[in-house]
Amino acid sequence: MIYQPTLTSLREHPIPEWYQNAKLGIFVHWGLYSVPAWAPTGYSIKELIKKMSTGEAKDFESPYAEWYQNNIKLPGSQSRQYHDRTFGAGFAYEDFKSIFNQEIKKWDPNYWAGLFKEINARYVVLTTKHHDGFLLWPSQHPNPHKENFSASRDIVGELTSAVRSQGLHMGLYYSGGLDWTFNPKPITEIAGIFVNVPQQAAYVQYCMTHWQELIDRYQPEVLWNDIGMPLKANVEKLFADYYNRFPEGVVNDRFLKGLGPLTGIFKIKPLKRWLSRMMTNVLTSDMPSTLERRGHCDYVTPEYTSYRDVVSRKWESTRGLGRSFGYNQNEQDQDYISVPELVHLFVDIVSKNGNLLLNVGPMPDGSIPPLQLDRLKGFGKWLLTNGEALFDTSPWTRVEGSCLDAKTELPMRFTQKAEYLYSILLGIPEGTSIRLKGLKAAEGTVIRLLGDPTTLEWRQAEDDILVILGEHTQNIPSFGNACSLSISPQPESIELDE
């Protein structure tokens, strides 16, 4: 099929099988902000947005460390105080460039790629330019406002080669909506996120040329834009050209065009408050957004959330291991998601037709902070045994279920693949048997515990399947607080009374 730069044509693009089945990707936020590596802790981005909407919070001081440059522009902010105390009031954000470029000499892209492969990720998305405008590749179109404002190594190219050598797919992030070298005005409220999108012709050409250069040079399989695009950016042509060259590629939902000439009217306080309320509802909702209907995308990207049910539109939940994407040295163990929480989140997302894009925020020299590495390795270890129930699967007719063990009722999630139903228990069963509620199996059905080759005994107990685990529960590792059963052929789902 030859794609045309129209919504009708672009919406004919199917979700490629590799992305549908991938389930787990690794996001990498790495840049100048990794040097100070500082943001306030104690609240999430959603909590901040809600507090801003009620007036409890006066400034948009983000818990995202990659927003450090914006945070230090807020007079009296914690970030400003930290910056003056640590680096001095005269130390400009751009001065972190020499430190970063010195530190990245130690970076080994092959270590990252090997680690991501080890933990069973299927694709990687790297930030090529974040909101600060610093480039992680040697562009032929340098920043017109900041001389040599780019990394001294071709980080994009080196990581792309390393990732593909491991058989993984490579995607690229680009902040099309915000660039603080073109519009340095600080964002002090929620509406500013979109109101501050640069609209000048020079920026339109700059970001569109960058996207084209990234596609030509690195052939990414994911185009991951952020915060939208300028109103006059011809993203439809970008998508059509991209699909015609790389039909297996995908684009996310954050190419939504900015407000353009309407920006000025949002200086009127009532309209600005209305825009902030609307954005608060969108950014804090756990329901699919309808914003992408204004443009084209292959999938939607809720941030730090999951959905309540199966979503027919392919989606990708994106989040950090802590409350920040960029490395935040302030975050301690309690700020990070635990391995069991991560396992349960991933299972829930996959059962509802989603992927998880899990972020890693490296230190300036490219090393992965120990608390992040601990979570990644634990998660990967659990997936070695249970990945069969998640990768290359699709949602079942039911999303949720429950099973009874000797002491309690454990929640379950379901996935399916070929003749198999996978029942993932969000907990470790106690006792020697469990009842899978609301399932009816045919004679000859084979049930096994993933990681254990033994076929388990079972019998139908009214509307439930009674599975005899015996001593096999001793073989279930406890660190992930979840385990998986495969049932073949797939049983019948029985609707139970509430």
Protein backbone atom coordinates (compact mmCIF):
# COMPACT_ATOMS: atom_id res chain seq x y z
CA MET A 1 0.00 0.00 0.00
CA ILE A 2 1.17 3.52 -0.83
CA TYR A 3 0.25 5.88 2.00
CA GLN A 4 -0.93 9.42 1.32
CA PRO A 5 -0.58 12.38 3.72
CA THR A 6 -4.24 12.24 4.74
CA LEU A 7 -5.88 10.96 7.90
CA THR A 8 -8.01 8.54 5.89
CA SER A 9 -4.95 6.96 4.30
CA LEU A 10 -2.75 7.01 7.41
CA ARG A 11 -5.42 5.32 9.50
CA GLU A 12 -5.20 2.32 7.18
CA HIS A 13 -1.78 1.57 8.65
CA PRO A 14 -2.02 -1.66 10.69
CA ILE A 15 -0.25 -2.23 13.99
CA PRO A 16 2.76 -4.37 13.03
CA GLU A 17 2.90 -7.78 14.64
CA TRP A 18 6.27 -7.13 16.27
CA TYR A 19 4.93 -4.16 18.23
CA GLN A 20 1.67 -5.86 19.13
CA ASN A 21 3.58 -8.82 20.58
CA ALA A 22 6.55 -6.97 22.10
CA LYS A 23 4.84 -6.01 25.39
CA LEU A 24 7.99 -4.64 27.06
CA GLY A 25 10.14 -1.72 25.94
CA ILE A 26 12.87 0.26 27.68
CA PHE A 27 12.75 4.06 27.66
CA VAL A 28 16.06 5.90 28.23
CA HIS A 29 16.17 9.50 29.50
CA TRP A 30 19.77 10.71 29.39
CA GLY A 31 21.13 14.20 28.88
CA LEU A 32 22.46 17.34 30.57
CA TYR A 33 19.84 16.98 33.33
CA SER A 34 21.60 13.74 34.33
CA VAL A 35 24.49 15.80 35.71
CA PRO A 36 22.64 17.70 38.48
CA ALA A 37 20.21 14.74 38.69
CA TRP A 38 17.95 16.59 41.09
CA ALA A 39 14.23 17.10 41.59
CA PRO A 40 11.98 17.33 44.64
CA THR A 41 10.54 14.08 45.94
CA GLY A 42 7.47 13.14 47.93
CA TYR A 43 4.87 13.61 45.20
CA SER A 44 4.10 12.22 41.75
CA ILE A 45 3.45 14.21 38.59
CA LYS A 46 -0.27 13.45 38.84
CA GLU A 47 -0.39 14.64 42.43
CA LEU A 48 1.38 17.85 41.40
CA ILE A 49 -1.10 18.44 38.56
CA LYS A 50 -4.06 17.94 40.89
CA LYS A 51 -2.54 20.29 43.48
CA MET A 52 -1.96 22.91 40.79
CA SER A 53 -5.61 22.66 39.73
CA THR A 54 -6.85 23.22 43.30
CA GLY A 55 -4.35 25.95 44.14
CA GLU A 56 -2.52 23.85 46.76
CA ALA A 57 0.67 24.11 44.70
CA LYS A 58 1.72 27.53 43.40
CA ASP A 59 4.52 26.56 41.02
CA PHE A 60 4.90 23.76 38.53
CA GLU A 61 8.08 22.34 40.13
CA SER A 62 8.14 18.95 38.51
CA PRO A 63 9.28 15.73 40.23
CA TYR A 64 10.79 14.85 36.83
CA ALA A 65 14.55 15.50 37.03
CA GLU A 66 14.65 16.04 33.27
CA TRP A 67 12.69 19.25 33.95
CA TYR A 68 15.60 20.62 36.01
CA GLN A 69 16.18 23.57 33.67
CA ASN A 70 12.57 24.68 34.01
CA ASN A 71 12.52 24.04 37.76
CA ILE A 72 15.49 26.30 38.45
CA LYS A 73 13.76 29.16 36.61
CA LEU A 74 11.06 29.20 39.28
CA PRO A 75 12.10 31.79 41.91
CA GLY A 76 12.45 30.31 45.36
CA SER A 77 11.89 26.75 44.20
CA GLN A 78 13.65 23.87 45.92
CA SER A 79 15.52 23.24 42.69
CA ARG A 80 16.72 26.84 42.48
CA GLN A 81 17.94 26.72 46.04
CA TYR A 82 19.77 23.45 45.40
CA HIS A 83 21.34 24.80 42.22
CA ASP A 84 22.65 28.00 43.84
CA ARG A 85 23.92 26.09 46.84
CA THR A 86 25.68 23.39 44.82
CA PHE A 87 26.86 25.07 41.61
CA GLY A 88 26.53 28.78 42.30
CA ALA A 89 24.01 31.35 41.12
CA GLY A 90 26.14 32.18 38.07
CA PHE A 91 26.36 28.59 36.83
CA ALA A 92 24.16 28.30 33.74
CA TYR A 93 22.32 25.14 32.77
CA GLU A 94 24.33 25.02 29.53
CA ASP A 95 27.53 24.75 31.60
CA PHE A 96 26.63 21.12 32.34
CA LYS A 97 27.57 20.33 28.73
CA SER A 98 31.31 20.04 29.37
CA ILE A 99 30.74 17.75 32.36
CA PHE A 100 28.32 15.53 30.44
CA ASN A 101 30.58 15.26 27.40
CA GLN A 102 33.49 14.30 29.62
CA GLU A 103 31.49 11.67 31.48
CA ILE A 104 30.02 9.97 28.40
CA LYS A 105 33.51 8.88 27.35
CA LYS A 106 33.04 6.06 29.89
CA TRP A 107 29.73 4.88 28.43
CA ASP A 108 29.44 1.38 26.95
CA PRO A 109 26.35 1.07 24.72
CA ASN A 110 26.84 -2.68 24.41
CA TYR A 111 26.37 -3.07 28.16
CA TRP A 112 23.02 -1.31 27.99
CA ALA A 113 21.87 -3.40 25.03
CA GLY A 114 22.96 -6.63 26.70
CA LEU A 115 21.16 -5.67 29.91
CA PHE A 116 17.94 -4.82 28.08
CA LYS A 117 18.11 -8.15 26.25
CA GLU A 118 18.78 -9.95 29.53
CA ILE A 119 15.64 -8.59 31.15
CA ASN A 120 13.55 -9.68 28.14
CA ALA A 121 12.76 -6.25 26.70
CA ARG A 122 11.83 -6.33 23.01
CA TYR A 123 12.45 -2.70 22.05
CA VAL A 124 14.26 0.44 23.22
CA VAL A 125 13.31 4.13 22.89
CA LEU A 126 16.05 6.74 23.42
CA THR A 127 15.57 10.47 24.05
CA THR A 128 17.39 12.15 21.16
CA LYS A 129 16.38 15.69 22.22
CA HIS A 130 14.50 16.55 25.37
CA HIS A 131 12.85 19.88 26.23
CA ASP A 132 16.23 21.52 26.94
CA GLY A 133 17.14 21.25 23.24
CA PHE A 134 20.41 19.34 23.78
CA LEU A 135 21.03 16.85 20.95
CA LEU A 136 22.36 13.33 21.44
CA TRP A 137 23.49 12.97 17.82
CA PRO A 138 25.76 15.03 15.51
CA SER A 139 23.05 16.76 13.51
CA GLN A 140 23.67 18.47 10.20
CA HIS A 141 21.15 21.03 11.50
CA PRO A 142 22.64 22.36 14.74
CA ASN A 143 20.85 24.53 17.25
CA PRO A 144 20.79 28.14 16.01
CA HIS A 145 20.61 29.58 19.54
CA LYS A 146 23.25 27.47 21.35
CA GLU A 147 26.59 26.81 19.71
CA ASN A 148 27.73 23.15 19.70
CA PHE A 149 24.75 22.20 21.83
CA SER A 150 25.11 18.47 21.31
CA ALA A 151 26.84 15.40 22.70
CA SER A 152 30.45 14.72 21.77
CA ARG A 153 29.55 11.12 20.83
CA ASP A 154 26.88 9.90 18.45
CA ILE A 155 24.84 8.41 21.28
CA VAL A 156 21.84 7.75 19.03
CA GLY A 157 23.90 5.90 16.44
CA GLU A 158 25.98 3.90 18.88
CA LEU A 159 23.00 2.72 20.91
CA THR A 160 20.99 1.94 17.78
CA SER A 161 23.77 -0.35 16.53
CA ALA A 162 24.17 -2.02 19.91
CA VAL A 163 20.45 -2.59 20.37
CA ARG A 164 20.01 -4.09 16.91
CA SER A 165 23.00 -6.36 17.44
CA GLN A 166 20.98 -7.93 20.28
CA GLY A 167 18.00 -8.49 17.99
CA LEU A 168 15.90 -5.76 19.62
CA HIS A 169 13.86 -3.05 17.90
CA MET A 170 14.97 0.59 18.17
CA GLY A 171 12.82 3.67 18.58
CA LEU A 172 13.62 7.35 18.97
CA TYR A 173 12.07 10.03 21.19
CA TYR A 174 12.09 13.70 20.20
CA SER A 175 10.55 16.63 22.04
CA GLY A 176 8.72 18.34 19.20
CA GLY A 177 6.45 20.42 21.41
CA LEU A 178 8.91 22.01 23.81
CA ASP A 179 12.36 23.40 23.14
CA TRP A 180 13.60 25.84 25.76
CA THR A 181 16.31 27.14 23.42
CA PHE A 182 13.56 28.52 21.14
CA ASN A 183 11.10 29.50 23.88
CA PRO A 184 12.91 29.95 27.20
CA LYS A 185 9.82 31.20 29.03
CA PRO A 186 9.37 29.02 32.15
CA ILE A 187 6.31 26.83 32.45
CA THR A 188 4.60 27.81 35.68
CA GLU A 189 1.21 26.15 35.22
CA ILE A 190 -0.32 23.23 33.40
CA ALA A 191 -1.61 25.24 30.44
CA GLY A 192 1.93 26.38 29.71
CA ILE A 193 2.89 22.89 28.58
CA PHE A 194 1.06 23.42 25.28
CA VAL A 195 0.88 27.21 25.19
CA ASN A 196 4.71 27.34 25.20
CA VAL A 197 5.12 25.24 22.05
CA PRO A 198 7.29 27.35 19.68
CA GLN A 199 5.33 28.33 16.59
CA GLN A 200 7.88 30.36 14.61
CA ALA A 201 8.67 29.15 11.09
CA ALA A 202 12.33 28.57 12.01
CA TYR A 203 11.33 26.09 14.70
CA VAL A 204 8.84 24.29 12.46
CA GLN A 205 11.59 23.73 9.91
CA TYR A 206 14.09 22.82 12.65
CA CYS A 207 12.06 20.05 14.28
CA MET A 208 10.69 18.64 11.03
CA THR A 209 14.20 18.55 9.55
CA HIS A 210 15.43 16.78 12.68
CA TRP A 211 12.72 14.14 12.47
CA GLN A 212 13.56 13.53 8.82
CA GLU A 213 17.27 13.34 9.60
CA LEU A 214 16.69 10.85 12.43
CA ILE A 215 14.59 8.66 10.12
CA ASP A 216 17.09 8.82 7.25
CA ARG A 217 20.15 8.18 9.37
CA TYR A 218 18.95 5.69 12.00
CA GLN A 219 15.79 4.12 10.51
CA PRO A 220 13.89 3.93 13.81
CA GLU A 221 11.00 1.50 14.16
CA VAL A 222 9.22 3.79 16.64
CA LEU A 223 8.68 7.55 16.27
CA TRP A 224 8.03 8.72 19.83
CA ASN A 225 7.22 12.42 19.88
CA ASP A 226 6.42 14.42 23.04
CA ILE A 227 4.23 17.43 23.95
CA GLY A 228 2.82 17.80 20.43
CA MET A 229 4.12 19.70 17.42
CA PRO A 230 3.82 23.25 16.06
CA LEU A 231 0.57 23.96 14.25
CA LYS A 232 2.20 24.32 10.83
CA ALA A 233 4.26 21.12 11.03
CA ASN A 234 3.21 18.79 8.22
CA VAL A 235 3.22 15.62 10.31
CA GLU A 236 0.85 13.86 7.89
CA LYS A 237 3.50 14.00 5.16
CA LEU A 238 6.15 12.89 7.66
CA PHE A 239 4.03 9.84 8.57
CA ALA A 240 3.19 8.94 4.95
CA ASP A 241 6.84 9.12 3.87
CA TYR A 242 7.85 7.10 6.93
CA TYR A 243 5.29 4.33 6.39
CA ASN A 244 6.12 4.10 2.69
CA ARG A 245 9.76 3.45 3.58
CA PHE A 246 9.22 1.52 6.81
CA PRO A 247 5.75 -0.08 6.87
CA GLU A 248 6.69 -1.96 10.06
CA GLY A 249 7.24 1.33 11.92
CA VAL A 250 4.85 2.89 14.44
CA VAL A 251 4.14 6.44 15.60
CA ASN A 252 2.76 7.48 18.99
CA ASP A 253 -0.09 9.84 19.86
CA ARG A 254 1.99 12.84 20.94
CA PHE A 255 2.37 14.47 17.53
CA LEU A 256 -0.84 16.40 18.25
CA LYS A 257 -0.41 19.89 16.81
CA GLY A 258 -0.16 22.86 19.13
CA LEU A 259 -2.54 25.77 19.58
CA GLY A 260 -0.76 27.99 17.07
CA PRO A 261 -2.40 31.41 16.61
CA LEU A 262 -4.89 30.56 19.38
CA THR A 263 -2.10 30.74 21.95
CA GLY A 264 -2.68 34.43 22.59
CA ILE A 265 -6.27 34.03 23.76
CA PHE A 266 -5.13 31.76 26.58
CA LYS A 267 -3.46 34.74 28.19
CA ILE A 268 -6.98 35.65 29.26
CA LYS A 269 -7.24 34.22 32.76
CA PRO A 270 -10.67 32.50 32.49
CA LEU A 271 -9.61 30.76 29.27
CA LYS A 272 -6.25 29.79 30.75
CA ARG A 273 -8.02 28.29 33.77
CA TRP A 274 -10.35 26.39 31.44
CA LEU A 275 -7.40 24.98 29.48
CA SER A 276 -5.67 23.97 32.71
CA ARG A 277 -8.80 22.18 33.92
CA MET A 278 -9.17 20.35 30.63
CA MET A 279 -5.52 19.28 30.66
CA THR A 280 -5.76 18.20 34.29
CA ASN A 281 -8.67 15.90 33.43
CA VAL A 282 -6.78 14.39 30.51
CA LEU A 283 -3.43 13.98 32.29
CA THR A 284 -4.87 12.48 35.47
CA SER A 285 -7.50 10.22 33.92
CA ASP A 286 -7.16 6.45 33.77
CA MET A 287 -9.46 6.28 30.76
CA PRO A 288 -8.30 6.38 27.12
CA SER A 289 -7.83 9.90 25.83
CA THR A 290 -9.83 11.09 22.84
CA LEU A 291 -7.23 13.72 21.92
CA GLU A 292 -5.56 11.46 19.37
CA ARG A 293 -8.74 11.53 17.28
CA ARG A 294 -7.68 15.00 16.09
CA GLY A 295 -4.70 13.44 14.35
CA HIS A 296 -3.15 10.10 13.52
CA CYS A 297 -1.31 7.63 15.72
CA ASP A 298 -0.75 3.90 15.95
CA TYR A 299 -1.08 3.77 19.73
CA VAL A 300 -1.78 5.95 22.77
CA THR A 301 0.61 6.63 25.64
CA PRO A 302 -0.90 7.08 29.11
CA GLU A 303 1.75 8.11 31.63
CA TYR A 304 2.14 6.49 35.04
CA THR A 305 -1.21 4.73 34.77
CA SER A 306 -3.10 1.71 33.52
CA TYR A 307 -6.67 1.28 32.31
CA ARG A 308 -9.59 -0.37 34.04
CA ASP A 309 -10.45 -2.75 31.20
CA VAL A 310 -9.28 -3.99 27.83
CA VAL A 311 -8.75 -1.10 25.41
CA SER A 312 -9.22 -2.01 21.77
CA ARG A 313 -6.87 0.79 20.66
CA LYS A 314 -3.29 -0.39 21.15
CA TRP A 315 -1.71 1.46 24.07
CA GLU A 316 1.59 1.79 25.87
CA SER A 317 1.93 2.77 29.51
CA THR A 318 5.09 4.73 30.13
CA ARG A 319 6.69 5.32 33.52
CA GLY A 320 9.95 5.51 35.41
CA LEU A 321 11.15 3.03 37.99
CA GLY A 322 10.83 5.91 40.43
CA ARG A 323 8.75 9.08 40.16
CA SER A 324 11.15 10.61 37.63
CA PHE A 325 12.32 9.64 34.17
CA GLY A 326 15.74 11.32 34.33
CA TYR A 327 17.98 10.07 37.14
CA ASN A 328 17.07 11.79 40.41
CA GLN A 329 19.70 11.34 43.11
CA ASN A 330 17.10 12.35 45.73
CA GLU A 331 15.04 9.23 45.18
CA GLN A 332 15.52 6.49 47.75
CA ASP A 333 14.36 2.88 47.92
CA GLN A 334 10.84 3.86 48.99
CA ASP A 335 10.47 6.11 45.94
CA TYR A 336 11.00 3.20 43.53
CA ILE A 337 8.46 0.63 42.44
CA SER A 338 9.22 -2.77 44.00
CA VAL A 339 9.75 -5.89 41.91
CA PRO A 340 6.37 -7.42 42.94
CA GLU A 341 4.60 -4.13 42.18
CA LEU A 342 6.34 -3.98 38.80
CA VAL A 343 5.37 -7.57 38.01
CA HIS A 344 1.72 -6.96 38.93
CA LEU A 345 1.65 -3.73 36.89
CA PHE A 346 3.11 -5.40 33.82
CA VAL A 347 0.69 -8.33 34.02
CA ASP A 348 -2.26 -5.97 34.36
CA ILE A 349 -1.14 -3.84 31.39
CA VAL A 350 -0.54 -6.79 29.06
CA SER A 351 -3.88 -8.40 29.96
CA LYS A 352 -5.60 -5.20 28.76
CA ASN A 353 -3.87 -4.96 25.35
CA GLY A 354 -1.05 -2.68 26.48
CA ASN A 355 2.72 -2.53 26.34
CA LEU A 356 4.91 -1.22 29.15
CA LEU A 357 7.62 1.28 28.22
CA LEU A 358 9.71 1.15 31.39
CA ASN A 359 12.19 3.97 31.83
CA VAL A 360 15.84 3.83 32.81
CA GLY A 361 17.53 7.05 33.91
CA PRO A 362 21.32 6.58 33.71
CA MET A 363 23.92 8.61 35.58
CA PRO A 364 26.13 10.98 33.52
CA ASP A 365 28.76 8.29 32.82
CA GLY A 366 26.10 5.90 31.53
CA SER A 367 26.03 3.64 34.57
CA ILE A 368 22.62 2.44 35.74
CA PRO A 369 21.89 3.52 39.34
CA PRO A 370 21.91 0.50 41.71
CA LEU A 371 18.28 0.90 42.81
CA GLN A 372 17.17 0.85 39.16
CA LEU A 373 19.43 -2.07 38.30
CA ASP A 374 18.04 -4.06 41.22
CA ARG A 375 14.48 -3.66 39.93
CA LEU A 376 15.41 -4.43 36.34
CA LYS A 377 17.26 -7.62 37.22
CA GLY A 378 14.53 -8.86 39.56
CA PHE A 379 11.85 -8.18 36.97
CA GLY A 380 13.88 -9.90 34.25
CA LYS A 381 14.44 -12.92 36.45
CA TRP A 382 10.69 -13.30 37.01
CA LEU A 383 10.06 -13.00 33.27
CA LEU A 384 12.49 -15.84 32.50
CA THR A 385 9.97 -18.20 34.07
CA ASN A 386 6.69 -16.41 33.37
CA GLY A 387 7.32 -14.56 30.11
CA GLU A 388 5.52 -17.26 28.14
CA ALA A 389 2.24 -16.04 29.68
CA LEU A 390 2.79 -12.46 28.52
CA PHE A 391 4.92 -12.10 25.40
CA ASP A 392 3.22 -12.78 22.04
CA THR A 393 -0.19 -13.03 23.73
CA SER A 394 -3.51 -11.23 23.37
CA PRO A 395 -6.29 -10.40 25.84
CA TRP A 396 -8.82 -13.12 26.64
CA THR A 397 -12.61 -12.83 26.82
CA ARG A 398 -12.19 -11.95 30.50
CA VAL A 399 -9.53 -9.69 31.95
CA GLU A 400 -9.83 -10.41 35.64
CA GLY A 401 -10.60 -13.42 37.79
CA SER A 402 -9.79 -14.83 41.18
CA CYS A 403 -8.66 -18.05 42.77
CA LEU A 404 -9.06 -19.41 46.27
CA ASP A 405 -6.16 -20.95 48.14
CA ALA A 406 -6.06 -22.31 51.67
CA LYS A 407 -6.28 -18.86 53.27
CA THR A 408 -7.40 -16.14 50.91
CA GLU A 409 -8.68 -15.09 47.48
CA LEU A 410 -5.99 -14.05 45.01
CA PRO A 411 -6.67 -11.82 41.99
CA MET A 412 -5.87 -13.20 38.53
CA ARG A 413 -5.32 -11.80 35.07
CA PHE A 414 -5.76 -13.72 31.81
CA THR A 415 -3.96 -13.79 28.47
CA GLN A 416 -4.19 -16.20 25.55
CA LYS A 417 -1.98 -17.62 22.84
CA ALA A 418 -2.97 -20.32 20.31
CA GLU A 419 -4.78 -23.05 22.29
CA TYR A 420 -3.44 -21.84 25.63
CA LEU A 421 -5.12 -19.76 28.31
CA TYR A 422 -2.71 -18.26 30.80
CA SER A 423 -3.96 -17.52 34.27
CA ILE A 424 -1.54 -15.28 36.15
CA LEU A 425 -2.02 -15.26 39.91
CA LEU A 426 -1.13 -11.95 41.55
CA GLY A 427 0.22 -13.62 44.65
CA ILE A 428 1.75 -16.90 45.78
CA PRO A 429 -0.87 -19.52 46.72
CA GLU A 430 -0.72 -21.21 50.10
CA GLY A 431 -1.73 -24.81 50.66
CA THR A 432 -1.79 -27.75 48.27
CA SER A 433 -4.71 -26.75 46.01
CA ILE A 434 -6.42 -23.75 44.44
CA ARG A 435 -9.84 -23.13 42.90
CA LEU A 436 -9.89 -21.14 39.68
CA LYS A 437 -13.29 -19.48 39.90
CA GLY A 438 -15.63 -19.33 36.92
CA LEU A 439 -13.72 -21.66 34.61
CA LYS A 440 -14.92 -24.94 33.11
CA ALA A 441 -12.37 -27.27 31.52
CA ALA A 442 -12.95 -30.10 29.08
CA GLU A 443 -11.79 -33.65 29.68
CA GLY A 444 -8.14 -34.11 28.76
CA THR A 445 -7.22 -30.52 29.58
CA VAL A 446 -3.56 -30.08 30.53
CA ILE A 447 -2.68 -27.61 33.29
CA ARG A 448 0.85 -26.81 34.29
CA LEU A 449 2.69 -24.28 36.41
CA LEU A 450 5.15 -22.26 34.33
CA GLY A 451 8.69 -23.16 35.29
CA ASP A 452 7.63 -26.69 36.26
CA PRO A 453 7.25 -29.34 33.52
CA THR A 454 4.91 -31.53 35.58
CA THR A 455 1.28 -31.81 34.49
CA LEU A 456 -0.94 -30.92 37.45
CA GLU A 457 -3.93 -32.91 38.58
CA TRP A 458 -7.27 -31.15 38.43
CA ARG A 459 -11.01 -31.74 38.56
CA GLN A 460 -14.11 -29.71 37.86
CA ALA A 461 -15.77 -28.49 41.08
CA GLU A 462 -19.09 -27.02 40.00
CA ASP A 463 -18.23 -23.70 38.26
CA ASP A 464 -14.58 -23.80 39.29
CA ILE A 465 -11.46 -25.74 38.36
CA LEU A 466 -9.82 -27.31 41.40
CA VAL A 467 -6.07 -27.60 40.72
CA ILE A 468 -3.93 -29.87 42.90
CA LEU A 469 -0.58 -28.15 43.38
CA GLY A 470 0.80 -30.55 45.98
CA GLU A 471 4.45 -29.78 46.67
CA HIS A 472 4.86 -27.78 43.47
CA THR A 473 4.19 -24.52 45.34
CA GLN A 474 7.64 -24.93 46.87
CA ASN A 475 9.13 -24.34 43.43
CA ILE A 476 7.48 -20.94 42.97
CA PRO A 477 9.97 -18.11 43.60
CA SER A 478 8.50 -15.60 46.01
CA PHE A 479 10.36 -12.47 44.87
CA GLY A 480 7.86 -11.60 42.12
CA ASN A 481 4.79 -12.43 44.24
CA ALA A 482 3.07 -13.87 41.16
CA CYS A 483 2.96 -17.13 39.23
CA SER A 484 1.37 -18.40 36.04
CA LEU A 485 -0.65 -21.42 34.95
CA SER A 486 -1.10 -22.58 31.37
CA ILE A 487 -4.37 -24.32 30.52
CA SER A 488 -4.79 -26.18 27.23
CA PRO A 489 -7.21 -26.27 25.55
CA GLN A 490 -8.72 -23.03 26.71
CA PRO A 491 -11.51 -23.51 29.26
CA GLU A 492 -14.97 -22.03 29.10
CA SER A 493 -15.56 -18.79 30.98
CA ILE A 494 -18.55 -18.97 33.35
CA GLU A 495 -20.19 -15.80 34.50
CA LEU A 496 -20.51 -15.87 38.29
CA ASP A 497 -23.00 -14.00 40.42
CA GLU A 498 -21.55 -11.02 42.27
